[in-house]
Protein backbone atom coordinates (compact mmCIF):
# COMPACT_ATOMS: atom_id res chain seq x y z
CA MET A 1 116.36 76.07 98.45
CA ILE A 2 117.32 79.19 95.96
CA LYS A 3 120.54 78.82 94.28
CA LYS A 4 123.09 81.22 95.99
CA HIS A 5 124.35 84.16 94.14
CA ASP A 6 126.31 87.35 94.78
CA CYS A 7 123.94 89.66 96.42
CA LYS A 8 126.18 92.92 95.57
CA GLU A 9 123.86 93.38 92.41
CA GLU A 10 120.55 92.99 94.36
CA LEU A 11 121.60 95.65 96.79
CA ARG A 12 122.62 98.03 93.91
CA GLN A 13 119.35 97.32 92.22
CA VAL A 14 117.49 98.95 95.12
CA ASN A 15 119.90 101.61 95.71
CA LEU A 16 121.76 100.17 98.85
CA LYS A 17 125.40 100.38 99.83
CA VAL A 18 127.15 97.19 99.81
CA THR A 19 128.44 96.56 103.22
CA PRO A 20 129.57 93.23 104.65
CA ALA A 21 126.80 93.06 107.02
CA ARG A 22 124.22 93.70 104.49
CA LEU A 23 125.66 90.97 102.46
CA GLY A 24 126.01 88.65 105.29
CA VAL A 25 122.05 89.19 106.15
CA LEU A 26 121.20 88.31 102.67
CA ALA A 27 123.36 85.34 102.77
CA ALA A 28 121.89 84.11 105.71
CA LEU A 29 118.12 84.51 104.79
CA GLU A 30 118.89 82.99 101.23
CA SER A 31 120.53 79.85 102.50
CA ALA A 32 118.14 79.25 105.31
CA SER A 33 115.41 76.75 104.98
CA SER A 34 113.07 78.55 107.47
CA PRO A 35 112.57 82.14 108.50
CA LEU A 36 115.14 83.88 110.75
CA ASP A 37 114.71 86.23 113.78
CA THR A 38 117.55 89.07 114.40
CA GLY A 39 118.97 86.56 116.95
CA ASN A 40 119.79 84.12 114.27
CA LEU A 41 120.92 86.63 111.84
CA THR A 42 123.34 88.26 114.59
CA SER A 43 124.98 84.81 115.18
CA TYR A 44 125.15 84.19 111.39
CA LEU A 45 127.17 87.26 110.89
CA SER A 46 129.09 86.65 113.98
CA GLY A 47 129.98 82.97 112.63
CA HIS A 48 131.29 84.21 109.66
CA GLY A 49 133.36 87.04 111.15
CA ILE A 50 131.22 90.12 110.66
CA LYS A 51 131.02 91.97 113.81
CA VAL A 52 127.65 93.82 114.58
CA ASP A 53 125.17 94.13 117.09
CA ARG A 54 121.40 93.07 117.25
CA VAL A 55 120.39 97.07 116.81
CA THR A 56 122.33 97.05 113.45
CA VAL A 57 121.01 93.73 112.43
CA PHE A 58 117.39 95.03 113.26
CA ARG A 59 118.18 98.28 111.18
CA ILE A 60 119.42 96.34 108.13
CA ILE A 61 116.48 94.01 108.23
CA ASN A 62 114.14 96.80 108.47
CA ILE A 63 115.72 98.50 105.44
CA LEU A 64 116.04 95.26 103.37
CA THR A 65 112.27 94.62 104.19
CA ASP A 66 111.26 98.10 103.15
CA ARG A 67 113.07 97.46 99.52
CA GLY A 68 111.56 93.93 99.15
CA LEU A 69 114.77 92.23 99.77
CA ALA A 70 113.52 90.47 102.98
CA LYS A 71 109.73 89.67 103.79
CA PRO A 72 108.41 89.50 107.54
CA VAL A 73 106.92 86.38 108.79
CA LEU A 74 104.83 86.10 112.11
CA PHE A 75 104.10 82.85 113.76
CA ASP A 76 101.74 82.38 116.81
CA ASP A 77 104.78 83.13 119.20
CA GLY A 78 104.77 86.66 118.56
CA LYS A 79 108.34 86.53 117.44
CA LEU A 80 108.95 88.52 114.26
CA ARG A 81 111.00 86.43 111.69
CA TYR A 82 112.37 87.01 108.29
CA ASP A 83 112.19 85.18 105.01
CA TYR A 84 114.61 86.00 101.56
CA GLY A 85 112.43 88.33 99.58
CA SER A 86 113.29 86.67 96.40
CA ARG A 87 112.06 83.24 97.33
CA PRO A 88 108.97 82.04 95.38
CA GLU A 89 105.79 82.60 97.32
CA HIS A 90 105.32 80.04 100.20
CA HIS A 91 103.88 79.36 103.26
CA HIS A 92 104.94 77.58 106.73
CA PHE A 93 104.05 74.45 108.61
CA VAL A 94 104.94 74.97 112.20
CA CYS A 95 105.32 72.40 114.68
CA GLU A 96 103.47 73.21 118.09
CA LYS A 97 105.82 70.73 119.81
CA CYS A 98 109.44 70.89 118.52
CA GLY A 99 109.05 74.38 116.72
CA ARG A 100 109.98 72.82 113.30
CA VAL A 101 109.05 74.95 110.36
CA GLU A 102 108.63 73.84 106.80
CA MET A 103 107.71 75.39 103.87
CA VAL A 104 104.63 74.85 101.96
CA SER A 105 104.99 75.81 98.38
CA ASN A 106 102.37 76.13 95.33
CA CYS A 107 100.16 78.93 96.77
CA VAL A 108 96.65 78.23 95.54
CA LEU A 109 95.53 81.54 96.88
CA LYS A 110 96.01 84.00 94.09
CA PRO A 111 92.37 83.59 92.52
CA LEU A 112 91.05 84.45 96.08
CA GLU A 113 93.31 87.49 96.05
CA LYS A 114 91.95 88.54 92.68
CA LYS A 115 88.37 88.04 93.86
CA LEU A 116 88.91 89.92 97.17
CA GLN A 117 90.48 93.05 95.38
CA LYS A 118 87.57 93.04 92.99
CA THR A 119 84.91 92.92 95.63
CA LYS A 120 86.41 94.52 98.40
CA GLY A 121 88.31 97.33 96.28
CA PHE A 122 91.74 96.58 97.96
CA PHE A 123 94.84 96.14 96.28
CA ILE A 124 96.66 93.41 97.95
CA ARG A 125 100.49 93.36 98.09
CA ARG A 126 101.23 90.13 100.00
CA HIS A 127 99.34 87.64 102.18
CA SER A 128 100.21 85.40 104.96
CA LEU A 129 99.22 81.76 105.67
CA GLU A 130 100.80 79.34 108.25
CA PHE A 131 99.70 76.08 109.21
CA PHE A 132 100.14 74.85 113.10
CA GLY A 133 100.07 71.30 114.02
CA LEU A 134 102.59 68.39 114.59
CA CYS A 135 105.46 67.05 112.38
CA ALA A 136 105.69 63.38 111.60
CA LYS A 137 108.41 62.87 114.28
CA CYS A 138 106.37 64.48 116.95
CA LEU A 139 103.25 62.60 116.21
CA LYS A 140 105.26 59.19 116.87
């Protein structure tokens, strides 16, 4: 997990006004061990005394995504979730039985990315790779 810090400077660096809701969304993403959806973010803010509705959270997360402070993650259930944008590149293991999500670090796809860029003429900004199966607890 990334060490928590004051997110105010992070917002200022991408020319965003510092608001309690934006700070709360960043804090939630930063402290989460798996990607969060807008419902999770709304609950987090509410639990920290920040009153916002889901529409506001949706707008905030879209702005943070546009500025690179959040990354969208889509699992096979069709629900869009978000990761903290400054977290090192990683992928996810998703248990198909209990829904547990675990980060998978040490991405080995950079060489493939470079090869694809060269052979296909694309500029790759990001990629997504998720693993689906059963966690150790569900296998028992």
